[in-house]
C-alpha cells in the first residue's frame, strides 16, 4: 500500500500528474487545488497518497496536504460519492471551507463541484455534520489548554443560528454568514446577544 510519494514532477494533465520516483513514473489523480500547487516539471515534490485497489485497477490519489487527504477519505464514506466526485469537491472547496460548509449545512457551496447536484449535496452535509468534529458555531467545542472541551451556554447555538439567519436575510451566503458569526461569537463570548452578534458579524464581513 502506497502512502506517500517523493520524487520529481514528470508531467501534469487535467486531473492527474506523473511523479518520477527513481525512474519509475507513478500516475496520480489529483484535485485542481493540488495540481495548482505542484512545482514545475523536473522539480521535487512530496504527495500524500490514498491507494484504491480494485479487481481491475489500482488507482493512486495524491494530495499536497494531509487535511485534503483526510477529507477525501471522509467524503467517500457518503453513499454515491466516488473518488471522481471527491476530487471535484476538493477542487472547489479547501478543507477549511468544507468544514464550514458542512457545519453550516450549506448545500449550495457543495453544488459548485462538477457532478454534485442538490440531492447529493444535501446527503453529504447531512451525513457528515456529526463527523467534522472540533468546530462549533457557538463555541461549544473550543479546546482548552489541556485538550478538553469547554461547554458553551445552552442558548449559544440558538442565538448564533438567529444571527446567521439575519445575515442571510441581508443577502450574505450561508457559509460566509456562518463563518462571520462563528468568529464574532468567539470574540464576544458565549453571553453575546443576537444584536451584538449581527453587528460583529457585519464587521467581520466588511473586512
N, C-alpha and C. Protein backbone atom coordinates (compact mmCIF):
# COMPACT_ATOMS: atom_id res chain seq x y z
N UNK A 1 0.84 -1.19 0.00
CA UNK A 1 0.00 0.00 0.00
C UNK A 1 0.88 1.25 0.00
N UNK A 2 0.70 2.12 -0.97
CA UNK A 2 1.49 3.34 -1.08
C UNK A 2 0.81 4.44 -0.27
N UNK A 3 1.55 5.08 0.65
CA UNK A 3 1.00 6.14 1.49
C UNK A 3 1.58 7.50 1.14
N UNK A 4 2.82 7.53 0.64
CA UNK A 4 3.50 8.78 0.30
C UNK A 4 4.36 8.55 -0.93
N UNK A 5 4.41 9.56 -1.81
CA UNK A 5 5.33 9.52 -2.95
C UNK A 5 6.24 10.75 -2.87
N UNK A 6 7.56 10.52 -2.98
CA UNK A 6 8.53 11.60 -3.04
C UNK A 6 9.35 11.41 -4.30
N UNK A 7 9.30 12.39 -5.17
CA UNK A 7 10.02 12.26 -6.43
C UNK A 7 10.03 13.56 -7.19
N UNK A 8 10.08 13.47 -8.51
CA UNK A 8 10.12 14.64 -9.37
C UNK A 8 8.86 14.70 -10.23
N UNK A 9 8.38 15.90 -10.48
CA UNK A 9 7.22 16.08 -11.36
C UNK A 9 7.66 15.78 -12.79
N UNK A 10 7.03 14.78 -13.39
CA UNK A 10 7.38 14.39 -14.77
C UNK A 10 6.43 15.03 -15.77
N UNK A 11 5.13 14.98 -15.47
CA UNK A 11 4.13 15.50 -16.40
C UNK A 11 2.85 15.78 -15.62
N UNK A 12 2.05 16.71 -16.13
CA UNK A 12 0.81 17.08 -15.46
C UNK A 12 -0.30 17.20 -16.50
N UNK A 13 -1.48 16.61 -16.18
CA UNK A 13 -2.64 16.71 -17.06
C UNK A 13 -3.79 17.41 -16.37
N UNK A 14 -4.98 17.25 -16.92
CA UNK A 14 -6.16 17.96 -16.40
C UNK A 14 -6.51 17.53 -14.98
N UNK A 15 -6.42 16.24 -14.70
CA UNK A 15 -6.76 15.76 -13.36
C UNK A 15 -5.74 14.75 -12.84
N UNK A 16 -4.53 14.80 -13.36
CA UNK A 16 -3.52 13.82 -12.96
C UNK A 16 -2.11 14.42 -13.06
N UNK A 17 -1.20 13.73 -12.43
CA UNK A 17 0.22 14.06 -12.54
C UNK A 17 1.00 12.76 -12.55
N UNK A 18 2.13 12.76 -13.22
CA UNK A 18 3.04 11.63 -13.19
C UNK A 18 4.25 12.04 -12.34
N UNK A 19 4.49 11.25 -11.30
CA UNK A 19 5.61 11.53 -10.40
C UNK A 19 6.70 10.49 -10.63
N UNK A 20 7.88 10.96 -10.98
CA UNK A 20 9.03 10.09 -11.25
C UNK A 20 9.75 9.80 -9.93
N UNK A 21 9.66 8.55 -9.50
CA UNK A 21 10.34 8.13 -8.27
C UNK A 21 11.44 7.15 -8.66
N UNK A 22 12.66 7.66 -8.69
CA UNK A 22 13.83 6.83 -9.05
C UNK A 22 13.64 6.12 -10.39
N UNK A 23 13.11 6.84 -11.35
CA UNK A 23 12.97 6.29 -12.70
C UNK A 23 11.66 5.59 -12.97
N UNK A 24 10.83 5.43 -11.97
CA UNK A 24 9.50 4.81 -12.15
C UNK A 24 8.45 5.91 -12.09
N UNK A 25 7.62 6.00 -13.14
CA UNK A 25 6.59 7.03 -13.19
C UNK A 25 5.27 6.54 -12.60
N UNK A 26 4.78 7.22 -11.57
CA UNK A 26 3.51 6.87 -10.94
C UNK A 26 2.43 7.86 -11.39
N UNK A 27 1.33 7.32 -11.94
CA UNK A 27 0.20 8.15 -12.33
C UNK A 27 -0.66 8.40 -11.10
N UNK A 28 -0.81 9.68 -10.76
CA UNK A 28 -1.54 10.06 -9.54
C UNK A 28 -2.68 11.00 -9.92
N UNK A 29 -3.89 10.67 -9.53
CA UNK A 29 -5.04 11.54 -9.78
C UNK A 29 -5.13 12.57 -8.65
N UNK A 30 -5.37 13.83 -9.01
CA UNK A 30 -5.35 14.92 -8.03
C UNK A 30 -6.48 15.90 -8.29
N UNK A 31 -6.81 16.66 -7.24
CA UNK A 31 -7.75 17.77 -7.40
C UNK A 31 -7.04 18.91 -8.11
N UNK A 32 -7.81 19.83 -8.66
CA UNK A 32 -7.21 21.00 -9.31
C UNK A 32 -6.43 21.84 -8.29
N UNK A 33 -6.88 21.81 -7.05
CA UNK A 33 -6.19 22.55 -6.00
C UNK A 33 -4.77 22.02 -5.82
N UNK A 34 -4.63 20.70 -5.72
CA UNK A 34 -3.30 20.10 -5.57
C UNK A 34 -2.47 20.30 -6.82
N UNK A 35 -3.06 20.12 -7.99
CA UNK A 35 -2.31 20.30 -9.23
C UNK A 35 -1.77 21.72 -9.34
N UNK A 36 -2.57 22.68 -8.89
CA UNK A 36 -2.15 24.07 -8.96
C UNK A 36 -1.01 24.41 -8.02
N UNK A 37 -0.78 23.55 -7.03
CA UNK A 37 0.28 23.79 -6.06
C UNK A 37 1.56 23.00 -6.38
N UNK A 38 1.52 22.19 -7.41
CA UNK A 38 2.71 21.41 -7.76
C UNK A 38 3.82 22.30 -8.29
N UNK A 39 5.06 21.96 -8.01
CA UNK A 39 6.18 22.71 -8.58
C UNK A 39 6.31 22.42 -10.08
N UNK A 40 7.29 23.01 -10.71
CA UNK A 40 7.47 22.84 -12.14
C UNK A 40 8.01 21.46 -12.52
N UNK A 41 7.96 21.17 -13.81
CA UNK A 41 8.45 19.89 -14.31
C UNK A 41 9.92 19.69 -13.92
N UNK A 42 10.21 18.48 -13.41
CA UNK A 42 11.57 18.16 -13.01
C UNK A 42 11.92 18.57 -11.59
N UNK A 43 10.99 19.23 -10.91
CA UNK A 43 11.26 19.67 -9.54
C UNK A 43 10.72 18.66 -8.52
N UNK A 44 11.29 18.70 -7.33
CA UNK A 44 10.95 17.73 -6.29
C UNK A 44 9.56 18.01 -5.70
N UNK A 45 8.87 16.92 -5.37
CA UNK A 45 7.54 17.05 -4.80
C UNK A 45 7.29 15.89 -3.84
N UNK A 46 6.43 16.13 -2.87
CA UNK A 46 6.00 15.08 -1.93
C UNK A 46 4.49 15.11 -1.88
N UNK A 47 3.84 13.97 -2.10
CA UNK A 47 2.39 13.89 -2.08
C UNK A 47 1.91 12.83 -1.10
N UNK A 48 0.90 13.20 -0.32
CA UNK A 48 0.19 12.20 0.47
C UNK A 48 -0.65 11.36 -0.50
N UNK A 49 -0.67 10.05 -0.31
CA UNK A 49 -1.32 9.17 -1.27
C UNK A 49 -2.42 8.33 -0.61
N UNK A 50 -3.53 8.24 -1.31
CA UNK A 50 -4.59 7.30 -0.95
C UNK A 50 -4.64 6.26 -2.08
N UNK A 51 -4.46 5.00 -1.74
CA UNK A 51 -4.41 3.93 -2.73
C UNK A 51 -5.73 3.18 -2.76
N UNK A 52 -6.34 3.11 -3.93
CA UNK A 52 -7.57 2.35 -4.11
C UNK A 52 -7.27 1.12 -4.97
N UNK A 53 -7.51 -0.04 -4.41
CA UNK A 53 -7.27 -1.30 -5.13
C UNK A 53 -8.61 -1.93 -5.50
N UNK A 54 -8.80 -2.16 -6.79
CA UNK A 54 -10.00 -2.82 -7.29
C UNK A 54 -9.59 -4.06 -8.07
N UNK A 55 -10.56 -4.86 -8.46
CA UNK A 55 -10.25 -6.07 -9.21
C UNK A 55 -9.57 -5.76 -10.53
N UNK A 56 -9.96 -4.63 -11.15
CA UNK A 56 -9.46 -4.34 -12.49
C UNK A 56 -8.45 -3.19 -12.55
N UNK A 57 -8.13 -2.58 -11.40
CA UNK A 57 -7.16 -1.49 -11.44
C UNK A 57 -6.64 -1.16 -10.04
N UNK A 58 -5.53 -0.43 -10.03
CA UNK A 58 -5.01 0.19 -8.81
C UNK A 58 -4.85 1.67 -9.12
N UNK A 59 -5.58 2.53 -8.39
CA UNK A 59 -5.51 3.97 -8.61
C UNK A 59 -4.87 4.66 -7.41
N UNK A 60 -4.03 5.63 -7.71
CA UNK A 60 -3.40 6.44 -6.68
C UNK A 60 -3.99 7.85 -6.73
N UNK A 61 -4.35 8.38 -5.56
CA UNK A 61 -4.88 9.73 -5.46
C UNK A 61 -3.93 10.54 -4.59
N UNK A 62 -3.48 11.68 -5.11
CA UNK A 62 -2.45 12.44 -4.42
C UNK A 62 -2.94 13.77 -3.87
N UNK A 63 -2.35 14.19 -2.73
CA UNK A 63 -2.76 15.41 -2.05
C UNK A 63 -1.54 16.12 -1.48
N UNK A 64 -1.52 17.43 -1.61
CA UNK A 64 -0.43 18.21 -1.04
C UNK A 64 -0.52 18.26 0.48
N UNK A 65 -1.75 18.21 1.01
CA UNK A 65 -1.94 18.35 2.45
C UNK A 65 -2.65 17.13 3.03
N UNK A 66 -2.29 16.78 4.26
CA UNK A 66 -2.93 15.66 4.95
C UNK A 66 -4.42 15.94 5.14
N UNK A 67 -4.77 17.20 5.43
CA UNK A 67 -6.17 17.55 5.65
C UNK A 67 -7.01 17.26 4.41
N UNK A 68 -6.45 17.52 3.23
CA UNK A 68 -7.19 17.25 2.00
C UNK A 68 -7.37 15.74 1.81
N UNK A 69 -6.33 14.99 2.11
CA UNK A 69 -6.44 13.52 2.02
C UNK A 69 -7.49 13.00 2.98
N UNK A 70 -7.51 13.54 4.20
CA UNK A 70 -8.49 13.09 5.19
C UNK A 70 -9.90 13.41 4.76
N UNK A 71 -10.11 14.56 4.12
CA UNK A 71 -11.44 14.89 3.61
C UNK A 71 -11.83 13.96 2.46
N UNK A 72 -10.87 13.58 1.64
CA UNK A 72 -11.13 12.62 0.58
C UNK A 72 -11.67 11.32 1.17
N UNK A 73 -11.00 10.84 2.22
CA UNK A 73 -11.44 9.62 2.88
C UNK A 73 -12.84 9.77 3.47
N UNK A 74 -13.09 10.92 4.10
CA UNK A 74 -14.38 11.14 4.73
C UNK A 74 -15.50 11.24 3.70
N UNK A 75 -15.24 11.96 2.63
CA UNK A 75 -16.27 12.12 1.60
C UNK A 75 -16.66 10.79 0.96
N UNK A 76 -15.70 9.89 0.82
CA UNK A 76 -16.00 8.60 0.18
C UNK A 76 -16.86 7.70 1.07
N UNK A 77 -17.08 8.09 2.32
CA UNK A 77 -17.98 7.31 3.18
C UNK A 77 -19.44 7.62 2.89
N UNK A 78 -19.70 8.67 2.14
CA UNK A 78 -21.07 9.07 1.81
C UNK A 78 -21.53 8.28 0.59
N UNK A 79 -22.71 7.69 0.68
CA UNK A 79 -23.25 6.91 -0.43
C UNK A 79 -23.38 7.77 -1.69
N UNK A 80 -22.89 7.26 -2.80
CA UNK A 80 -22.98 7.98 -4.06
C UNK A 80 -21.81 8.90 -4.34
N UNK A 81 -20.86 8.98 -3.41
CA UNK A 81 -19.69 9.84 -3.61
C UNK A 81 -18.47 8.96 -3.89
N UNK A 82 -18.07 8.94 -5.14
CA UNK A 82 -16.88 8.19 -5.52
C UNK A 82 -15.66 9.08 -5.57
N UNK A 83 -14.54 8.51 -5.96
CA UNK A 83 -13.28 9.24 -5.97
C UNK A 83 -13.33 10.45 -6.89
N UNK A 84 -13.96 10.30 -8.06
CA UNK A 84 -14.02 11.40 -9.02
C UNK A 84 -14.79 12.58 -8.45
N UNK A 85 -15.92 12.30 -7.79
CA UNK A 85 -16.71 13.36 -7.18
C UNK A 85 -15.94 14.01 -6.03
N UNK A 86 -15.23 13.20 -5.25
CA UNK A 86 -14.41 13.74 -4.16
C UNK A 86 -13.41 14.76 -4.69
N UNK A 87 -12.70 14.41 -5.76
CA UNK A 87 -11.71 15.32 -6.32
C UNK A 87 -12.37 16.58 -6.86
N UNK A 88 -13.58 16.43 -7.42
CA UNK A 88 -14.30 17.60 -7.92
C UNK A 88 -14.65 18.56 -6.77
N UNK A 89 -15.09 17.99 -5.65
CA UNK A 89 -15.42 18.81 -4.48
C UNK A 89 -14.18 19.49 -3.93
N UNK A 90 -13.08 18.73 -3.81
CA UNK A 90 -11.84 19.28 -3.27
C UNK A 90 -11.19 20.28 -4.23
N UNK A 91 -11.62 20.27 -5.49
CA UNK A 91 -11.11 21.24 -6.46
C UNK A 91 -11.69 22.63 -6.22
N UNK A 92 -12.90 22.68 -5.65
CA UNK A 92 -13.57 23.98 -5.46
C UNK A 92 -13.62 24.42 -4.00
N UNK A 93 -13.45 23.48 -3.06
CA UNK A 93 -13.51 23.81 -1.64
C UNK A 93 -12.32 23.20 -0.91
N UNK A 94 -11.58 24.04 -0.20
CA UNK A 94 -10.48 23.54 0.61
C UNK A 94 -11.00 22.93 1.90
N UNK A 95 -10.13 22.27 2.67
CA UNK A 95 -10.56 21.63 3.92
C UNK A 95 -11.29 22.56 4.87
N UNK A 96 -10.79 23.77 5.09
CA UNK A 96 -11.45 24.71 5.99
C UNK A 96 -12.82 25.11 5.46
N UNK A 97 -12.91 25.32 4.15
CA UNK A 97 -14.20 25.68 3.55
C UNK A 97 -15.19 24.54 3.66
N UNK A 98 -14.71 23.32 3.55
CA UNK A 98 -15.60 22.16 3.69
C UNK A 98 -16.13 22.04 5.11
N UNK A 99 -15.26 22.29 6.10
CA UNK A 99 -15.71 22.25 7.49
C UNK A 99 -16.85 23.25 7.69
N UNK A 100 -16.67 24.46 7.17
CA UNK A 100 -17.68 25.49 7.32
C UNK A 100 -18.96 25.14 6.58
N UNK A 101 -18.81 24.63 5.35
CA UNK A 101 -19.99 24.30 4.55
C UNK A 101 -20.82 23.20 5.20
N UNK A 102 -20.14 22.16 5.72
CA UNK A 102 -20.86 21.05 6.35
C UNK A 102 -21.47 21.51 7.68
N UNK A 103 -20.69 22.26 8.47
CA UNK A 103 -21.20 22.73 9.75
C UNK A 103 -22.39 23.67 9.56
N UNK A 104 -22.35 24.45 8.49
CA UNK A 104 -23.44 25.39 8.20
C UNK A 104 -24.58 24.74 7.41
N UNK A 105 -24.40 23.46 7.04
CA UNK A 105 -25.37 22.76 6.21
C UNK A 105 -25.64 23.53 4.91
N UNK A 106 -24.56 24.03 4.32
CA UNK A 106 -24.63 24.84 3.10
C UNK A 106 -24.53 23.95 1.87
N UNK A 107 -25.69 23.50 1.39
CA UNK A 107 -25.73 22.62 0.21
C UNK A 107 -25.25 23.35 -1.04
N UNK A 108 -25.54 24.64 -1.14
CA UNK A 108 -25.19 25.41 -2.33
C UNK A 108 -23.68 25.41 -2.56
N UNK A 109 -22.91 25.52 -1.47
CA UNK A 109 -21.45 25.53 -1.61
C UNK A 109 -20.95 24.22 -2.22
N UNK A 110 -21.55 23.10 -1.80
CA UNK A 110 -21.12 21.79 -2.29
C UNK A 110 -21.49 21.60 -3.77
N UNK A 111 -22.61 22.18 -4.19
CA UNK A 111 -23.05 22.00 -5.58
C UNK A 111 -22.18 22.77 -6.57
N UNK A 112 -21.22 23.55 -6.09
CA UNK A 112 -20.27 24.19 -7.01
C UNK A 112 -19.41 23.16 -7.74
N UNK A 113 -19.28 21.97 -7.14
CA UNK A 113 -18.43 20.93 -7.73
C UNK A 113 -19.14 20.25 -8.89
N UNK A 114 -18.40 19.96 -9.93
CA UNK A 114 -18.96 19.25 -11.08
C UNK A 114 -19.48 17.88 -10.66
N UNK A 115 -20.69 17.55 -11.09
CA UNK A 115 -21.25 16.24 -10.80
C UNK A 115 -21.98 16.14 -9.48
N UNK A 116 -22.08 17.26 -8.76
CA UNK A 116 -22.77 17.25 -7.47
C UNK A 116 -24.06 18.06 -7.59
N UNK A 117 -25.20 17.37 -7.56
CA UNK A 117 -26.49 18.03 -7.61
C UNK A 117 -27.01 18.32 -6.21
N UNK A 118 -28.17 18.98 -6.12
CA UNK A 118 -28.73 19.34 -4.81
C UNK A 118 -28.98 18.15 -3.89
N UNK A 119 -29.47 17.03 -4.43
CA UNK A 119 -29.76 15.87 -3.59
C UNK A 119 -28.50 15.28 -3.00
N UNK A 120 -27.46 15.14 -3.82
CA UNK A 120 -26.21 14.59 -3.32
C UNK A 120 -25.56 15.55 -2.32
N UNK A 121 -25.62 16.84 -2.61
CA UNK A 121 -25.06 17.83 -1.69
C UNK A 121 -25.77 17.77 -0.34
N UNK A 122 -27.09 17.61 -0.37
CA UNK A 122 -27.86 17.51 0.87
C UNK A 122 -27.45 16.27 1.67
N UNK A 123 -27.20 15.17 0.96
CA UNK A 123 -26.78 13.93 1.63
C UNK A 123 -25.40 14.12 2.25
N UNK A 124 -24.51 14.79 1.55
CA UNK A 124 -23.16 14.99 2.06
C UNK A 124 -23.17 15.80 3.36
N UNK A 125 -23.85 16.95 3.35
CA UNK A 125 -23.84 17.80 4.55
C UNK A 125 -24.60 17.14 5.69
N UNK A 126 -25.62 16.33 5.35
CA UNK A 126 -26.40 15.67 6.39
C UNK A 126 -25.60 14.55 7.06
N UNK A 127 -24.96 13.72 6.24
CA UNK A 127 -24.25 12.56 6.78
C UNK A 127 -22.94 12.93 7.48
N UNK A 128 -22.36 14.07 7.10
CA UNK A 128 -21.07 14.44 7.66
C UNK A 128 -21.15 15.47 8.78
N UNK A 129 -22.35 15.98 9.06
CA UNK A 129 -22.46 17.07 10.03
C UNK A 129 -21.96 16.68 11.42
N UNK A 130 -22.08 15.40 11.78
CA UNK A 130 -21.63 14.96 13.10
C UNK A 130 -20.21 14.41 13.07
N UNK A 131 -19.55 14.49 11.89
CA UNK A 131 -18.22 13.91 11.76
C UNK A 131 -17.13 14.95 11.60
N UNK A 132 -17.50 16.22 11.41
CA UNK A 132 -16.46 17.22 11.16
C UNK A 132 -15.65 17.48 12.41
N UNK A 133 -16.27 17.41 13.59
CA UNK A 133 -15.54 17.43 14.86
C UNK A 133 -14.78 18.71 15.15
N UNK A 134 -14.79 19.14 16.40
CA UNK A 134 -13.95 20.23 16.85
C UNK A 134 -14.33 21.61 16.35
N UNK A 135 -15.49 21.74 15.69
CA UNK A 135 -15.88 23.05 15.17
C UNK A 135 -17.32 23.29 15.53
N UNK A 136 -17.57 24.33 16.31
CA UNK A 136 -18.94 24.63 16.73
C UNK A 136 -19.20 26.11 16.57
N UNK A 137 -20.31 26.46 15.96
CA UNK A 137 -20.65 27.85 15.72
C UNK A 137 -20.71 28.64 17.01
N UNK A 138 -21.30 28.07 18.05
CA UNK A 138 -21.47 28.79 19.29
C UNK A 138 -20.29 28.69 20.22
N UNK A 139 -19.23 27.99 19.82
CA UNK A 139 -18.05 27.86 20.66
C UNK A 139 -18.15 26.71 21.62
N UNK A 140 -19.06 25.74 21.34
CA UNK A 140 -19.27 24.64 22.27
C UNK A 140 -18.16 23.62 22.24
N UNK A 141 -17.29 23.72 21.24
CA UNK A 141 -16.23 22.70 21.15
C UNK A 141 -14.86 23.35 21.01
N UNK A 142 -14.64 24.40 21.76
CA UNK A 142 -13.33 25.04 21.72
C UNK A 142 -12.41 24.34 22.70
N UNK A 143 -11.26 23.92 22.24
CA UNK A 143 -10.35 23.16 23.10
C UNK A 143 -9.66 24.08 24.08
N UNK A 144 -9.51 23.58 25.32
CA UNK A 144 -8.77 24.35 26.30
C UNK A 144 -7.33 23.88 26.30
N UNK A 145 -6.53 24.42 27.21
CA UNK A 145 -5.11 24.12 27.21
C UNK A 145 -4.81 22.66 27.44
N UNK A 146 -5.72 21.92 28.09
CA UNK A 146 -5.47 20.51 28.38
C UNK A 146 -6.00 19.61 27.30
N UNK A 147 -6.56 20.20 26.23
CA UNK A 147 -7.06 19.40 25.13
C UNK A 147 -8.47 18.94 25.33
N UNK A 148 -9.16 19.41 26.41
CA UNK A 148 -10.54 19.03 26.63
C UNK A 148 -11.42 20.11 26.03
N UNK A 149 -12.73 19.93 26.10
CA UNK A 149 -13.63 20.91 25.51
C UNK A 149 -14.37 21.66 26.59
N UNK A 150 -14.64 22.93 26.31
CA UNK A 150 -15.37 23.77 27.24
C UNK A 150 -16.77 23.98 26.71
N UNK A 151 -17.77 23.77 27.52
CA UNK A 151 -19.15 23.88 27.07
C UNK A 151 -19.58 25.33 26.99
N UNK A 152 -20.34 25.66 25.95
CA UNK A 152 -20.90 26.99 25.81
C UNK A 152 -22.25 27.03 26.50
N UNK A 153 -22.79 28.23 26.75
CA UNK A 153 -24.11 28.32 27.33
C UNK A 153 -25.14 27.60 26.47
N UNK A 154 -26.21 27.12 27.11
CA UNK A 154 -27.19 26.28 26.41
C UNK A 154 -27.85 27.00 25.26
N UNK A 155 -27.99 28.35 25.37
CA UNK A 155 -28.69 29.07 24.30
C UNK A 155 -27.75 29.61 23.24
N UNK A 156 -26.43 29.28 23.33
CA UNK A 156 -25.46 29.87 22.42
C UNK A 156 -25.76 29.51 20.97
N UNK A 157 -26.06 28.25 20.71
CA UNK A 157 -26.31 27.85 19.33
C UNK A 157 -27.57 28.50 18.77
N UNK A 158 -28.63 28.64 19.61
CA UNK A 158 -29.86 29.28 19.16
C UNK A 158 -29.62 30.73 18.80
N UNK A 159 -28.90 31.45 19.66
CA UNK A 159 -28.58 32.85 19.41
C UNK A 159 -27.74 32.98 18.14
N UNK A 160 -26.76 32.11 17.98
CA UNK A 160 -25.90 32.15 16.80
C UNK A 160 -26.69 31.83 15.53
N UNK A 161 -27.57 30.84 15.62
CA UNK A 161 -28.40 30.49 14.46
C UNK A 161 -29.26 31.67 14.04
N UNK A 162 -29.82 32.40 15.02
CA UNK A 162 -30.64 33.57 14.70
C UNK A 162 -29.81 34.65 14.03
N UNK A 163 -28.57 34.83 14.50
CA UNK A 163 -27.69 35.83 13.89
C UNK A 163 -27.33 35.44 12.46
N UNK A 164 -27.05 34.14 12.25
CA UNK A 164 -26.76 33.66 10.90
C UNK A 164 -27.95 33.91 9.98
N UNK A 165 -29.14 33.58 10.44
CA UNK A 165 -30.35 33.78 9.64
C UNK A 165 -30.52 35.25 9.26
N UNK A 166 -30.23 36.14 10.21
CA UNK A 166 -30.36 37.57 9.94
C UNK A 166 -29.40 38.01 8.84
N UNK A 167 -28.16 37.52 8.90
CA UNK A 167 -27.18 37.89 7.87
C UNK A 167 -27.56 37.32 6.50
N UNK A 168 -28.12 36.11 6.51
CA UNK A 168 -28.58 35.52 5.24
C UNK A 168 -29.70 36.38 4.65
N UNK A 169 -30.60 36.84 5.51
CA UNK A 169 -31.69 37.69 5.05
C UNK A 169 -31.20 39.02 4.50
N UNK A 170 -30.01 39.42 4.91
CA UNK A 170 -29.41 40.65 4.39
C UNK A 170 -28.69 40.43 3.06
N UNK A 171 -28.69 39.16 2.61
CA UNK A 171 -28.12 38.88 1.30
C UNK A 171 -26.80 38.15 1.28
N UNK A 172 -26.27 37.81 2.45
CA UNK A 172 -25.00 37.08 2.50
C UNK A 172 -25.22 35.58 2.33
N UNK A 173 -24.23 34.89 1.79
CA UNK A 173 -24.32 33.45 1.64
C UNK A 173 -24.29 32.75 2.98
N UNK A 174 -24.83 31.53 3.03
CA UNK A 174 -24.94 30.83 4.31
C UNK A 174 -23.57 30.55 4.93
N UNK A 175 -22.63 30.08 4.11
CA UNK A 175 -21.32 29.75 4.66
C UNK A 175 -20.57 30.98 5.16
N UNK A 176 -20.60 32.09 4.39
CA UNK A 176 -19.89 33.29 4.85
C UNK A 176 -20.57 33.88 6.08
N UNK A 177 -21.90 33.79 6.15
CA UNK A 177 -22.61 34.26 7.34
C UNK A 177 -22.24 33.41 8.55
N UNK A 178 -22.21 32.10 8.36
CA UNK A 178 -21.84 31.17 9.43
C UNK A 178 -20.44 31.47 9.95
N UNK A 179 -19.50 31.65 9.03
CA UNK A 179 -18.11 31.91 9.41
C UNK A 179 -17.99 33.22 10.17
N UNK A 180 -18.69 34.26 9.69
CA UNK A 180 -18.62 35.57 10.34
C UNK A 180 -19.17 35.52 11.75
N UNK A 181 -20.29 34.84 11.94
CA UNK A 181 -20.91 34.74 13.27
C UNK A 181 -20.04 33.87 14.18
N UNK A 182 -19.43 32.83 13.64
CA UNK A 182 -18.54 31.99 14.44
C UNK A 182 -17.37 32.80 14.98
N UNK A 183 -16.77 33.65 14.13
CA UNK A 183 -15.66 34.49 14.57
C UNK A 183 -16.14 35.52 15.58
N UNK A 184 -17.32 36.10 15.32
CA UNK A 184 -17.87 37.10 16.24
C UNK A 184 -18.18 36.48 17.59
N UNK A 185 -18.74 35.28 17.58
CA UNK A 185 -19.09 34.59 18.82
C UNK A 185 -17.85 34.27 19.63
N UNK A 186 -16.79 33.84 18.95
CA UNK A 186 -15.54 33.53 19.62
C UNK A 186 -14.93 34.79 20.26
N UNK A 187 -15.09 35.91 19.57
CA UNK A 187 -14.51 37.17 20.06
C UNK A 187 -15.33 37.76 21.21
N UNK A 188 -16.66 37.68 21.12
CA UNK A 188 -17.53 38.32 22.11
C UNK A 188 -17.83 37.43 23.32
N UNK A 189 -17.71 36.11 23.13
CA UNK A 189 -18.01 35.21 24.23
C UNK A 189 -19.43 34.66 24.15
N UNK A 190 -19.71 33.67 24.97
CA UNK A 190 -20.98 32.95 24.91
C UNK A 190 -22.19 33.73 25.38
N UNK A 191 -21.98 34.88 26.05
CA UNK A 191 -23.10 35.66 26.57
C UNK A 191 -23.61 36.70 25.58
N UNK A 192 -23.00 36.76 24.39
CA UNK A 192 -23.40 37.77 23.40
C UNK A 192 -24.84 37.58 22.96
N UNK A 193 -25.55 38.68 22.78
CA UNK A 193 -26.93 38.64 22.31
C UNK A 193 -26.97 38.68 20.79
N UNK A 194 -28.17 38.41 20.24
CA UNK A 194 -28.32 38.33 18.79
C UNK A 194 -27.87 39.62 18.11
N UNK A 195 -28.33 40.76 18.63
CA UNK A 195 -27.98 42.03 18.01
C UNK A 195 -26.48 42.27 17.99
N UNK A 196 -25.81 41.91 19.08
CA UNK A 196 -24.36 42.07 19.15
C UNK A 196 -23.66 41.19 18.13
N UNK A 197 -24.14 39.95 18.00
CA UNK A 197 -23.53 39.03 17.04
C UNK A 197 -23.74 39.51 15.61
N UNK A 198 -24.92 40.06 15.34
CA UNK A 198 -25.19 40.55 13.98
C UNK A 198 -24.25 41.71 13.65
N UNK A 199 -24.13 42.66 14.57
CA UNK A 199 -23.24 43.80 14.33
C UNK A 199 -21.79 43.35 14.17
N UNK A 200 -21.36 42.45 15.06
CA UNK A 200 -19.98 41.97 14.99
C UNK A 200 -19.77 41.14 13.72
N UNK A 201 -20.79 40.37 13.34
CA UNK A 201 -20.71 39.59 12.11
C UNK A 201 -20.58 40.47 10.88
N UNK A 202 -21.32 41.57 10.87
CA UNK A 202 -21.24 42.51 9.75
C UNK A 202 -19.85 43.14 9.68
N UNK A 203 -19.26 43.38 10.84
CA UNK A 203 -17.90 43.91 10.86
C UNK A 203 -16.91 42.91 10.26
N UNK A 204 -17.10 41.63 10.61
CA UNK A 204 -16.24 40.58 10.04
C UNK A 204 -16.38 40.52 8.53
N UNK A 205 -17.60 40.64 8.04
CA UNK A 205 -17.86 40.54 6.61
C UNK A 205 -17.34 41.76 5.83
N UNK A 206 -17.20 42.86 6.52
CA UNK A 206 -16.74 44.09 5.86
C UNK A 206 -15.22 44.18 5.77
N UNK A 207 -14.52 43.28 6.46
CA UNK A 207 -13.05 43.34 6.46
C UNK A 207 -12.46 42.80 5.17
